[in-house]
Amino acid sequence: MREWMSTRKEVVALVRVFESCLEDTVIEHLAEEGYFINFGSVGRFIVHYRPAIRRKIGFNGEVRDLPPRRKVEFIGLGRLRKLERLR
């Protein structure tokens, strides 16, 4: 840890503030299709919409419409992306 953060407790508090700011920003922009937040070479959060789909449920053949959904996806970049690949 750096000199300006002397304890683990201070680091955890800073990370929690960062998480809440990130969460608030994504929630504010959930209505915008394709909105993203980029974190340099670490990754990016992207808001995606999935349209409503018709799906056959179970063995009885019942067909239902599943509602549209929003999804926030994280895509790792740089070294994280390389580490995702298994050889």
PDB file of N, CA and C in Angstrom:
ATOM      1  N   MET A   1       0.834  -1.189   0.000  1.00  0.00           N
ATOM      2  CA  MET A   1       0.000   0.000   0.000  1.00  0.00           C
ATOM      3  C   MET A   1       0.878   1.251   0.000  1.00  0.00           C
ATOM      4  N   ARG A   2       0.315   2.296  -0.470  1.00  0.00           N
ATOM      5  CA  ARG A   2       1.031   3.569  -0.556  1.00  0.00           C
ATOM      6  C   ARG A   2       1.067   4.252   0.803  1.00  0.00           C
ATOM      7  N   GLU A   3       1.911   5.270   0.912  1.00  0.00           N
ATOM      8  CA  GLU A   3       2.033   6.014   2.166  1.00  0.00           C
ATOM      9  C   GLU A   3       0.735   6.713   2.530  1.00  0.00           C
ATOM     10  N   TRP A   4      -0.020   7.186   1.533  1.00  0.00           N
ATOM     11  CA  TRP A   4      -1.228   7.960   1.810  1.00  0.00           C
ATOM     12  C   TRP A   4      -2.390   7.082   2.237  1.00  0.00           C
ATOM     13  N   MET A   5      -2.250   5.771   2.117  1.00  0.00           N
ATOM     14  CA  MET A   5      -3.258   4.851   2.639  1.00  0.00           C
ATOM     15  C   MET A   5      -2.533   3.867   3.539  1.00  0.00           C
ATOM     16  N   SER A   6      -2.596   4.138   4.808  1.00  0.00           N
ATOM     17  CA  SER A   6      -1.771   3.364   5.719  1.00  0.00           C
ATOM     18  C   SER A   6      -2.436   2.082   6.199  1.00  0.00           C
ATOM     19  N   THR A   7      -3.755   1.993   6.117  1.00  0.00           N
ATOM     20  CA  THR A   7      -4.410   0.795   6.628  1.00  0.00           C
ATOM     21  C   THR A   7      -5.327   0.174   5.580  1.00  0.00           C
ATOM     22  N   ARG A   8      -5.581  -1.091   5.770  1.00  0.00           N
ATOM     23  CA  ARG A   8      -6.497  -1.818   4.893  1.00  0.00           C
ATOM     24  C   ARG A   8      -7.902  -1.214   4.974  1.00  0.00           C
ATOM     25  N   LYS A   9      -8.273  -0.760   6.148  1.00  0.00           N
ATOM     26  CA  LYS A   9      -9.590  -0.161   6.363  1.00  0.00           C
ATOM     27  C   LYS A   9      -9.794   1.064   5.461  1.00  0.00           C
ATOM     28  N   GLU A  10      -8.762   1.901   5.313  1.00  0.00           N
ATOM     29  CA  GLU A  10      -8.850   3.076   4.446  1.00  0.00           C
ATOM     30  C   GLU A  10      -9.007   2.665   2.979  1.00  0.00           C
ATOM     31  N   VAL A  11      -8.286   1.625   2.573  1.00  0.00           N
ATOM     32  CA  VAL A  11      -8.382   1.145   1.194  1.00  0.00           C
ATOM     33  C   VAL A  11      -9.778   0.606   0.920  1.00  0.00           C
ATOM     34  N   VAL A  12     -10.325  -0.185   1.842  1.00  0.00           N
ATOM     35  CA  VAL A  12     -11.668  -0.741   1.681  1.00  0.00           C
ATOM     36  C   VAL A  12     -12.703   0.384   1.608  1.00  0.00           C
ATOM     37  N   ALA A  13     -12.557   1.406   2.430  1.00  0.00           N
ATOM     38  CA  ALA A  13     -13.486   2.541   2.408  1.00  0.00           C
ATOM     39  C   ALA A  13     -13.427   3.259   1.055  1.00  0.00           C
ATOM     40  N   LEU A  14     -12.231   3.453   0.507  1.00  0.00           N
ATOM     41  CA  LEU A  14     -12.080   4.107  -0.787  1.00  0.00           C
ATOM     42  C   LEU A  14     -12.704   3.273  -1.909  1.00  0.00           C
ATOM     43  N   VAL A  15     -12.504   1.973  -1.872  1.00  0.00           N
ATOM     44  CA  VAL A  15     -13.083   1.089  -2.886  1.00  0.00           C
ATOM     45  C   VAL A  15     -14.611   1.110  -2.795  1.00  0.00           C
ATOM     46  N   ARG A  16     -15.160   1.164  -1.609  1.00  0.00           N
ATOM     47  CA  ARG A  16     -16.624   1.223  -1.453  1.00  0.00           C
ATOM     48  C   ARG A  16     -17.191   2.525  -2.012  1.00  0.00           C
ATOM     49  N   VAL A  17     -16.486   3.630  -1.821  1.00  0.00           N
ATOM     50  CA  VAL A  17     -16.922   4.907  -2.396  1.00  0.00           C
ATOM     51  C   VAL A  17     -16.899   4.812  -3.920  1.00  0.00           C
ATOM     52  N   PHE A  18     -15.840   4.233  -4.475  1.00  0.00           N
ATOM     53  CA  PHE A  18     -15.739   4.056  -5.916  1.00  0.00           C
ATOM     54  C   PHE A  18     -16.879   3.185  -6.444  1.00  0.00           C
ATOM     55  N   GLU A  19     -17.164   2.079  -5.757  1.00  0.00           N
ATOM     56  CA  GLU A  19     -18.258   1.185  -6.166  1.00  0.00           C
ATOM     57  C   GLU A  19     -19.599   1.914  -6.179  1.00  0.00           C
ATOM     58  N   SER A  20     -19.865   2.700  -5.146  1.00  0.00           N
ATOM     59  CA  SER A  20     -21.157   3.392  -5.081  1.00  0.00           C
ATOM     60  C   SER A  20     -21.264   4.449  -6.183  1.00  0.00           C
ATOM     61  N   CYS A  21     -20.162   5.155  -6.493  1.00  0.00           N
ATOM     62  CA  CYS A  21     -20.179   6.136  -7.589  1.00  0.00           C
ATOM     63  C   CYS A  21     -20.424   5.440  -8.926  1.00  0.00           C
ATOM     64  N   LEU A  22     -19.771   4.318  -9.143  1.00  0.00           N
ATOM     65  CA  LEU A  22     -19.956   3.553 -10.374  1.00  0.00           C
ATOM     66  C   LEU A  22     -21.394   3.066 -10.495  1.00  0.00           C
ATOM     67  N   GLU A  23     -21.935   2.520  -9.416  1.00  0.00           N
ATOM     68  CA  GLU A  23     -23.305   2.017  -9.405  1.00  0.00           C
ATOM     69  C   GLU A  23     -24.304   3.149  -9.678  1.00  0.00           C
ATOM     70  N   ASP A  24     -24.129   4.284  -9.032  1.00  0.00           N
ATOM     71  CA  ASP A  24     -25.029   5.424  -9.236  1.00  0.00           C
ATOM     72  C   ASP A  24     -24.997   5.905 -10.690  1.00  0.00           C
ATOM     73  N   THR A  25     -23.814   5.967 -11.272  1.00  0.00           N
ATOM     74  CA  THR A  25     -23.678   6.424 -12.656  1.00  0.00           C
ATOM     75  C   THR A  25     -24.364   5.465 -13.618  1.00  0.00           C
ATOM     76  N   VAL A  26     -24.162   4.167 -13.437  1.00  0.00           N
ATOM     77  CA  VAL A  26     -24.799   3.181 -14.321  1.00  0.00           C
ATOM     78  C   VAL A  26     -26.314   3.229 -14.168  1.00  0.00           C
ATOM     79  N   ILE A  27     -26.818   3.367 -12.944  1.00  0.00           N
ATOM     80  CA  ILE A  27     -28.263   3.427 -12.709  1.00  0.00           C
ATOM     81  C   ILE A  27     -28.864   4.660 -13.382  1.00  0.00           C
ATOM     82  N   GLU A  28     -28.168   5.792 -13.336  1.00  0.00           N
ATOM     83  CA  GLU A  28     -28.663   7.011 -13.981  1.00  0.00           C
ATOM     84  C   GLU A  28     -28.811   6.838 -15.493  1.00  0.00           C
ATOM     85  N   HIS A  29     -27.964   6.009 -16.099  1.00  0.00           N
ATOM     86  CA  HIS A  29     -27.935   5.878 -17.555  1.00  0.00           C
ATOM     87  C   HIS A  29     -28.496   4.548 -18.048  1.00  0.00           C
ATOM     88  N   LEU A  30     -29.261   3.834 -17.223  1.00  0.00           N
ATOM     89  CA  LEU A  30     -29.813   2.548 -17.645  1.00  0.00           C
ATOM     90  C   LEU A  30     -30.754   2.670 -18.835  1.00  0.00           C
ATOM     91  N   ALA A  31     -31.405   3.801 -18.992  1.00  0.00           N
ATOM     92  CA  ALA A  31     -32.359   3.977 -20.099  1.00  0.00           C
ATOM     93  C   ALA A  31     -31.662   4.176 -21.437  1.00  0.00           C
ATOM     94  N   GLU A  32     -30.358   4.413 -21.444  1.00  0.00           N
ATOM     95  CA  GLU A  32     -29.623   4.673 -22.679  1.00  0.00           C
ATOM     96  C   GLU A  32     -29.023   3.381 -23.222  1.00  0.00           C
ATOM     97  N   GLU A  33     -29.526   2.938 -24.362  1.00  0.00           N
ATOM     98  CA  GLU A  33     -29.001   1.730 -25.013  1.00  0.00           C
ATOM     99  C   GLU A  33     -27.551   1.965 -25.421  1.00  0.00           C
ATOM    100  N   GLY A  34     -26.669   1.046 -25.100  1.00  0.00           N
ATOM    101  CA  GLY A  34     -25.272   1.135 -25.505  1.00  0.00           C
ATOM    102  C   GLY A  34     -24.413   2.053 -24.659  1.00  0.00           C
ATOM    103  N   TYR A  35     -24.946   2.580 -23.542  1.00  0.00           N
ATOM    104  CA  TYR A  35     -24.143   3.442 -22.660  1.00  0.00           C
ATOM    105  C   TYR A  35     -22.995   2.614 -22.091  1.00  0.00           C
ATOM    106  N   PHE A  36     -21.812   3.189 -22.014  1.00  0.00           N
ATOM    107  CA  PHE A  36     -20.689   2.457 -21.437  1.00  0.00           C
ATOM    108  C   PHE A  36     -19.788   3.369 -20.627  1.00  0.00           C
ATOM    109  N   ILE A  37     -19.083   2.749 -19.688  1.00  0.00           N
ATOM    110  CA  ILE A  37     -18.060   3.427 -18.888  1.00  0.00           C
ATOM    111  C   ILE A  37     -16.764   2.679 -19.149  1.00  0.00           C
ATOM    112  N   ASN A  38     -15.753   3.392 -19.584  1.00  0.00           N
ATOM    113  CA  ASN A  38     -14.475   2.794 -19.946  1.00  0.00           C
ATOM    114  C   ASN A  38     -13.460   3.027 -18.827  1.00  0.00           C
ATOM    115  N   PHE A  39     -12.703   1.991 -18.463  1.00  0.00           N
ATOM    116  CA  PHE A  39     -11.655   2.099 -17.454  1.00  0.00           C
ATOM    117  C   PHE A  39     -10.299   1.785 -18.062  1.00  0.00           C
ATOM    118  N   GLY A  40      -9.865   2.612 -18.983  1.00  0.00           N
ATOM    119  CA  GLY A  40      -8.553   2.467 -19.597  1.00  0.00           C
ATOM    120  C   GLY A  40      -8.266   1.061 -20.065  1.00  0.00           C
ATOM    121  N   SER A  41      -7.210   0.469 -19.579  1.00  0.00           N
ATOM    122  CA  SER A  41      -6.826  -0.870 -20.017  1.00  0.00           C
ATOM    123  C   SER A  41      -7.428  -1.966 -19.142  1.00  0.00           C
ATOM    124  N   VAL A  42      -8.294  -1.617 -18.187  1.00  0.00           N
ATOM    125  CA  VAL A  42      -8.895  -2.615 -17.293  1.00  0.00           C
ATOM    126  C   VAL A  42     -10.131  -3.235 -17.917  1.00  0.00           C
ATOM    127  N   GLY A  43     -11.079  -2.416 -18.367  1.00  0.00           N
ATOM    128  CA  GLY A  43     -12.301  -2.949 -18.954  1.00  0.00           C
ATOM    129  C   GLY A  43     -13.358  -1.887 -19.113  1.00  0.00           C
ATOM    130  N   ARG A  44     -14.575  -2.354 -19.462  1.00  0.00           N
ATOM    131  CA  ARG A  44     -15.675  -1.415 -19.671  1.00  0.00           C
ATOM    132  C   ARG A  44     -16.982  -2.072 -19.254  1.00  0.00           C
ATOM    133  N   PHE A  45     -17.878  -1.244 -18.702  1.00  0.00           N
ATOM    134  CA  PHE A  45     -19.239  -1.657 -18.381  1.00  0.00           C
ATOM    135  C   PHE A  45     -20.139  -1.156 -19.496  1.00  0.00           C
ATOM    136  N   ILE A  46     -21.008  -2.042 -20.037  1.00  0.00           N
ATOM    137  CA  ILE A  46     -21.901  -1.681 -21.134  1.00  0.00           C
ATOM    138  C   ILE A  46     -23.328  -2.072 -20.761  1.00  0.00           C
ATOM    139  N   VAL A  47     -24.298  -1.181 -21.067  1.00  0.00           N
ATOM    140  CA  VAL A  47     -25.713  -1.470 -20.849  1.00  0.00           C
ATOM    141  C   VAL A  47     -26.276  -2.062 -22.142  1.00  0.00           C
ATOM    142  N   HIS A  48     -26.856  -3.280 -22.058  1.00  0.00           N
ATOM    143  CA  HIS A  48     -27.470  -3.946 -23.203  1.00  0.00           C
ATOM    144  C   HIS A  48     -28.951  -4.167 -22.926  1.00  0.00           C
ATOM    145  N   TYR A  49     -29.734  -4.177 -23.983  1.00  0.00           N
ATOM    146  CA  TYR A  49     -31.151  -4.518 -23.879  1.00  0.00           C
ATOM    147  C   TYR A  49     -31.395  -5.818 -24.619  1.00  0.00           C
ATOM    148  N   ARG A  50     -32.175  -6.690 -24.007  1.00  0.00           N
ATOM    149  CA  ARG A  50     -32.597  -7.913 -24.668  1.00  0.00           C
ATOM    150  C   ARG A  50     -34.086  -7.780 -24.950  1.00  0.00           C
ATOM    151  N   PRO A  51     -34.510  -7.919 -26.192  1.00  0.00           N
ATOM    152  CA  PRO A  51     -35.933  -7.777 -26.502  1.00  0.00           C
ATOM    153  C   PRO A  51     -36.739  -8.947 -25.936  1.00  0.00           C
ATOM    154  N   ALA A  52     -38.054  -8.762 -25.878  1.00  0.00           N
ATOM    155  CA  ALA A  52     -38.942  -9.843 -25.431  1.00  0.00           C
ATOM    156  C   ALA A  52     -38.842 -10.994 -26.424  1.00  0.00           C
ATOM    157  N   ILE A  53     -38.877 -12.227 -25.905  1.00  0.00           N
ATOM    158  CA  ILE A  53     -38.798 -13.399 -26.780  1.00  0.00           C
ATOM    159  C   ILE A  53     -39.896 -14.387 -26.417  1.00  0.00           C
ATOM    160  N   ARG A  54     -40.270 -15.192 -27.388  1.00  0.00           N
ATOM    161  CA  ARG A  54     -41.228 -16.270 -27.172  1.00  0.00           C
ATOM    162  C   ARG A  54     -40.464 -17.548 -26.908  1.00  0.00           C
ATOM    163  N   ARG A  55     -40.857 -18.271 -25.874  1.00  0.00           N
ATOM    164  CA  ARG A  55     -40.129 -19.466 -25.490  1.00  0.00           C
ATOM    165  C   ARG A  55     -41.097 -20.577 -25.160  1.00  0.00           C
ATOM    166  N   LYS A  56     -40.780 -21.777 -25.583  1.00  0.00           N
ATOM    167  CA  LYS A  56     -41.570 -22.954 -25.242  1.00  0.00           C
ATOM    168  C   LYS A  56     -41.113 -23.422 -23.861  1.00  0.00           C
ATOM    169  N   ILE A  57     -42.076 -23.551 -22.941  1.00  0.00           N
ATOM    170  CA  ILE A  57     -41.754 -23.879 -21.561  1.00  0.00           C
ATOM    171  C   ILE A  57     -42.123 -25.330 -21.279  1.00  0.00           C
ATOM    172  N   GLY A  58     -41.151 -26.082 -20.776  1.00  0.00           N
ATOM    173  CA  GLY A  58     -41.404 -27.445 -20.301  1.00  0.00           C
ATOM    174  C   GLY A  58     -41.854 -28.424 -21.369  1.00  0.00           C
ATOM    175  N   PHE A  59     -42.366 -29.562 -20.902  1.00  0.00           N
ATOM    176  CA  PHE A  59     -42.771 -30.636 -21.800  1.00  0.00           C
ATOM    177  C   PHE A  59     -44.211 -30.499 -22.273  1.00  0.00           C
ATOM    178  N   ASN A  60     -44.994 -29.620 -21.656  1.00  0.00           N
ATOM    179  CA  ASN A  60     -46.392 -29.491 -22.044  1.00  0.00           C
ATOM    180  C   ASN A  60     -46.580 -28.623 -23.291  1.00  0.00           C
ATOM    181  N   GLY A  61     -45.539 -27.999 -23.771  1.00  0.00           N
ATOM    182  CA  GLY A  61     -45.611 -27.232 -25.001  1.00  0.00           C
ATOM    183  C   GLY A  61     -46.173 -25.829 -24.838  1.00  0.00           C
ATOM    184  N   GLU A  62     -46.340 -25.376 -23.608  1.00  0.00           N
ATOM    185  CA  GLU A  62     -46.856 -24.028 -23.375  1.00  0.00           C
ATOM    186  C   GLU A  62     -45.867 -22.992 -23.915  1.00  0.00           C
ATOM    187  N   VAL A  63     -46.380 -21.996 -24.611  1.00  0.00           N
ATOM    188  CA  VAL A  63     -45.536 -20.935 -25.171  1.00  0.00           C
ATOM    189  C   VAL A  63     -45.803 -19.651 -24.399  1.00  0.00           C
ATOM    190  N   ARG A  64     -44.745 -19.028 -23.918  1.00  0.00           N
ATOM    191  CA  ARG A  64     -44.862 -17.788 -23.144  1.00  0.00           C
ATOM    192  C   ARG A  64     -43.977 -16.713 -23.746  1.00  0.00           C
ATOM    193  N   ASP A  65     -44.379 -15.474 -23.531  1.00  0.00           N
ATOM    194  CA  ASP A  65     -43.537 -14.338 -23.889  1.00  0.00           C
ATOM    195  C   ASP A  65     -42.712 -13.962 -22.672  1.00  0.00           C
ATOM    196  N   LEU A  66     -41.397 -14.019 -22.794  1.00  0.00           N
ATOM    197  CA  LEU A  66     -40.521 -13.576 -21.718  1.00  0.00           C
ATOM    198  C   LEU A  66     -40.322 -12.078 -21.867  1.00  0.00           C
ATOM    199  N   PRO A  67     -40.370 -11.335 -20.773  1.00  0.00           N
ATOM    200  CA  PRO A  67     -40.299  -9.864 -20.863  1.00  0.00           C
ATOM    201  C   PRO A  67     -38.927  -9.377 -21.333  1.00  0.00           C
ATOM    202  N   PRO A  68     -38.885  -8.150 -21.865  1.00  0.00           N
ATOM    203  CA  PRO A  68     -37.577  -7.579 -22.236  1.00  0.00           C
ATOM    204  C   PRO A  68     -36.732  -7.360 -20.980  1.00  0.00           C
ATOM    205  N   ARG A  69     -35.418  -7.386 -21.150  1.00  0.00           N
ATOM    206  CA  ARG A  69     -34.525  -7.247 -20.002  1.00  0.00           C
ATOM    207  C   ARG A  69     -33.396  -6.289 -20.312  1.00  0.00           C
ATOM    208  N   ARG A  70     -32.880  -5.693 -19.249  1.00  0.00           N
ATOM    209  CA  ARG A  70     -31.663  -4.881 -19.338  1.00  0.00           C
ATOM    210  C   ARG A  70     -30.548  -5.692 -18.701  1.00  0.00           C
ATOM    211  N   LYS A  71     -29.356  -5.531 -19.220  1.00  0.00           N
ATOM    212  CA  LYS A  71     -28.214  -6.240 -18.664  1.00  0.00           C
ATOM    213  C   LYS A  71     -27.013  -5.313 -18.681  1.00  0.00           C
ATOM    214  N   VAL A  72     -26.307  -5.248 -17.561  1.00  0.00           N
ATOM    215  CA  VAL A  72     -25.060  -4.499 -17.505  1.00  0.00           C
ATOM    216  C   VAL A  72     -23.942  -5.526 -17.575  1.00  0.00           C
ATOM    217  N   GLU A  73     -23.106  -5.392 -18.586  1.00  0.00           N
ATOM    218  CA  GLU A  73     -22.073  -6.374 -18.856  1.00  0.00           C
ATOM    219  C   GLU A  73     -20.697  -5.744 -18.655  1.00  0.00           C
ATOM    220  N   PHE A  74     -19.770  -6.501 -18.080  1.00  0.00           N
ATOM    221  CA  PHE A  74     -18.391  -6.047 -17.953  1.00  0.00           C
ATOM    222  C   PHE A  74     -17.542  -6.809 -18.952  1.00  0.00           C
ATOM    223  N   ILE A  75     -16.760  -6.082 -19.742  1.00  0.00           N
ATOM    224  CA  ILE A  75     -15.849  -6.695 -20.699  1.00  0.00           C
ATOM    225  C   ILE A  75     -14.436  -6.324 -20.295  1.00  0.00           C
ATOM    226  N   GLY A  76     -13.653  -7.321 -19.952  1.00  0.00           N
ATOM    227  CA  GLY A  76     -12.269  -7.078 -19.566  1.00  0.00           C
ATOM    228  C   GLY A  76     -11.417  -6.744 -20.773  1.00  0.00           C
ATOM    229  N   LEU A  77     -10.453  -5.851 -20.605  1.00  0.00           N
ATOM    230  CA  LEU A  77      -9.550  -5.458 -21.681  1.00  0.00           C
ATOM    231  C   LEU A  77      -8.105  -5.700 -21.241  1.00  0.00           C
ATOM    232  N   GLY A  78      -7.205  -5.608 -22.177  1.00  0.00           N
ATOM    233  CA  GLY A  78      -5.781  -5.716 -21.872  1.00  0.00           C
ATOM    234  C   GLY A  78      -5.396  -7.049 -21.269  1.00  0.00           C
ATOM    235  N   ARG A  79      -4.675  -7.014 -20.170  1.00  0.00           N
ATOM    236  CA  ARG A  79      -4.186  -8.239 -19.529  1.00  0.00           C
ATOM    237  C   ARG A  79      -5.332  -9.107 -19.023  1.00  0.00           C
ATOM    238  N   LEU A  80      -6.429  -8.495 -18.541  1.00  0.00           N
ATOM    239  CA  LEU A  80      -7.568  -9.286 -18.081  1.00  0.00           C
ATOM    240  C   LEU A  80      -8.131 -10.147 -19.206  1.00  0.00           C
ATOM    241  N   ARG A  81      -8.256  -9.574 -20.397  1.00  0.00           N
ATOM    242  CA  ARG A  81      -8.792 -10.319 -21.538  1.00  0.00           C
ATOM    243  C   ARG A  81      -7.880 -11.482 -21.898  1.00  0.00           C
ATOM    244  N   LYS A  82      -6.569 -11.264 -21.856  1.00  0.00           N
ATOM    245  CA  LYS A  82      -5.621 -12.347 -22.160  1.00  0.00           C
ATOM    246  C   LYS A  82      -5.732 -13.467 -21.140  1.00  0.00           C
ATOM    247  N   LEU A  83      -5.975 -13.120 -19.879  1.00  0.00           N
ATOM    248  CA  LEU A  83      -6.061 -14.144 -18.841  1.00  0.00           C
ATOM    249  C   LEU A  83      -7.370 -14.930 -18.899  1.00  0.00           C
ATOM    250  N   GLU A  84      -8.404 -14.411 -19.590  1.00  0.00           N
ATOM    251  CA  GLU A  84      -9.658 -15.137 -19.737  1.00  0.00           C
ATOM    252  C   GLU A  84      -9.507 -16.366 -20.602  1.00  0.00           C
ATOM    253  N   ARG A  85      -8.618 -16.293 -21.564  1.00  0.00           N
ATOM    254  CA  ARG A  85      -8.450 -17.388 -22.529  1.00  0.00           C
ATOM    255  C   ARG A  85      -7.687 -18.545 -21.899  1.00  0.00           C
ATOM    256  N   LEU A  86      -8.250 -19.724 -21.997  1.00  0.00           N
ATOM    257  CA  LEU A  86      -7.564 -20.929 -21.528  1.00  0.00           C
ATOM    258  C   LEU A  86      -6.863 -21.591 -22.697  1.00  0.00           C
ATOM    259  N   ARG A  87      -5.746 -22.152 -22.427  1.00  0.00           N
ATOM    260  CA  ARG A  87      -4.989 -22.805 -23.519  1.00  0.00           C
ATOM    261  C   ARG A  87      -5.139 -24.282 -23.452  1.00  0.00           C
TER     262      ARG A  87
END
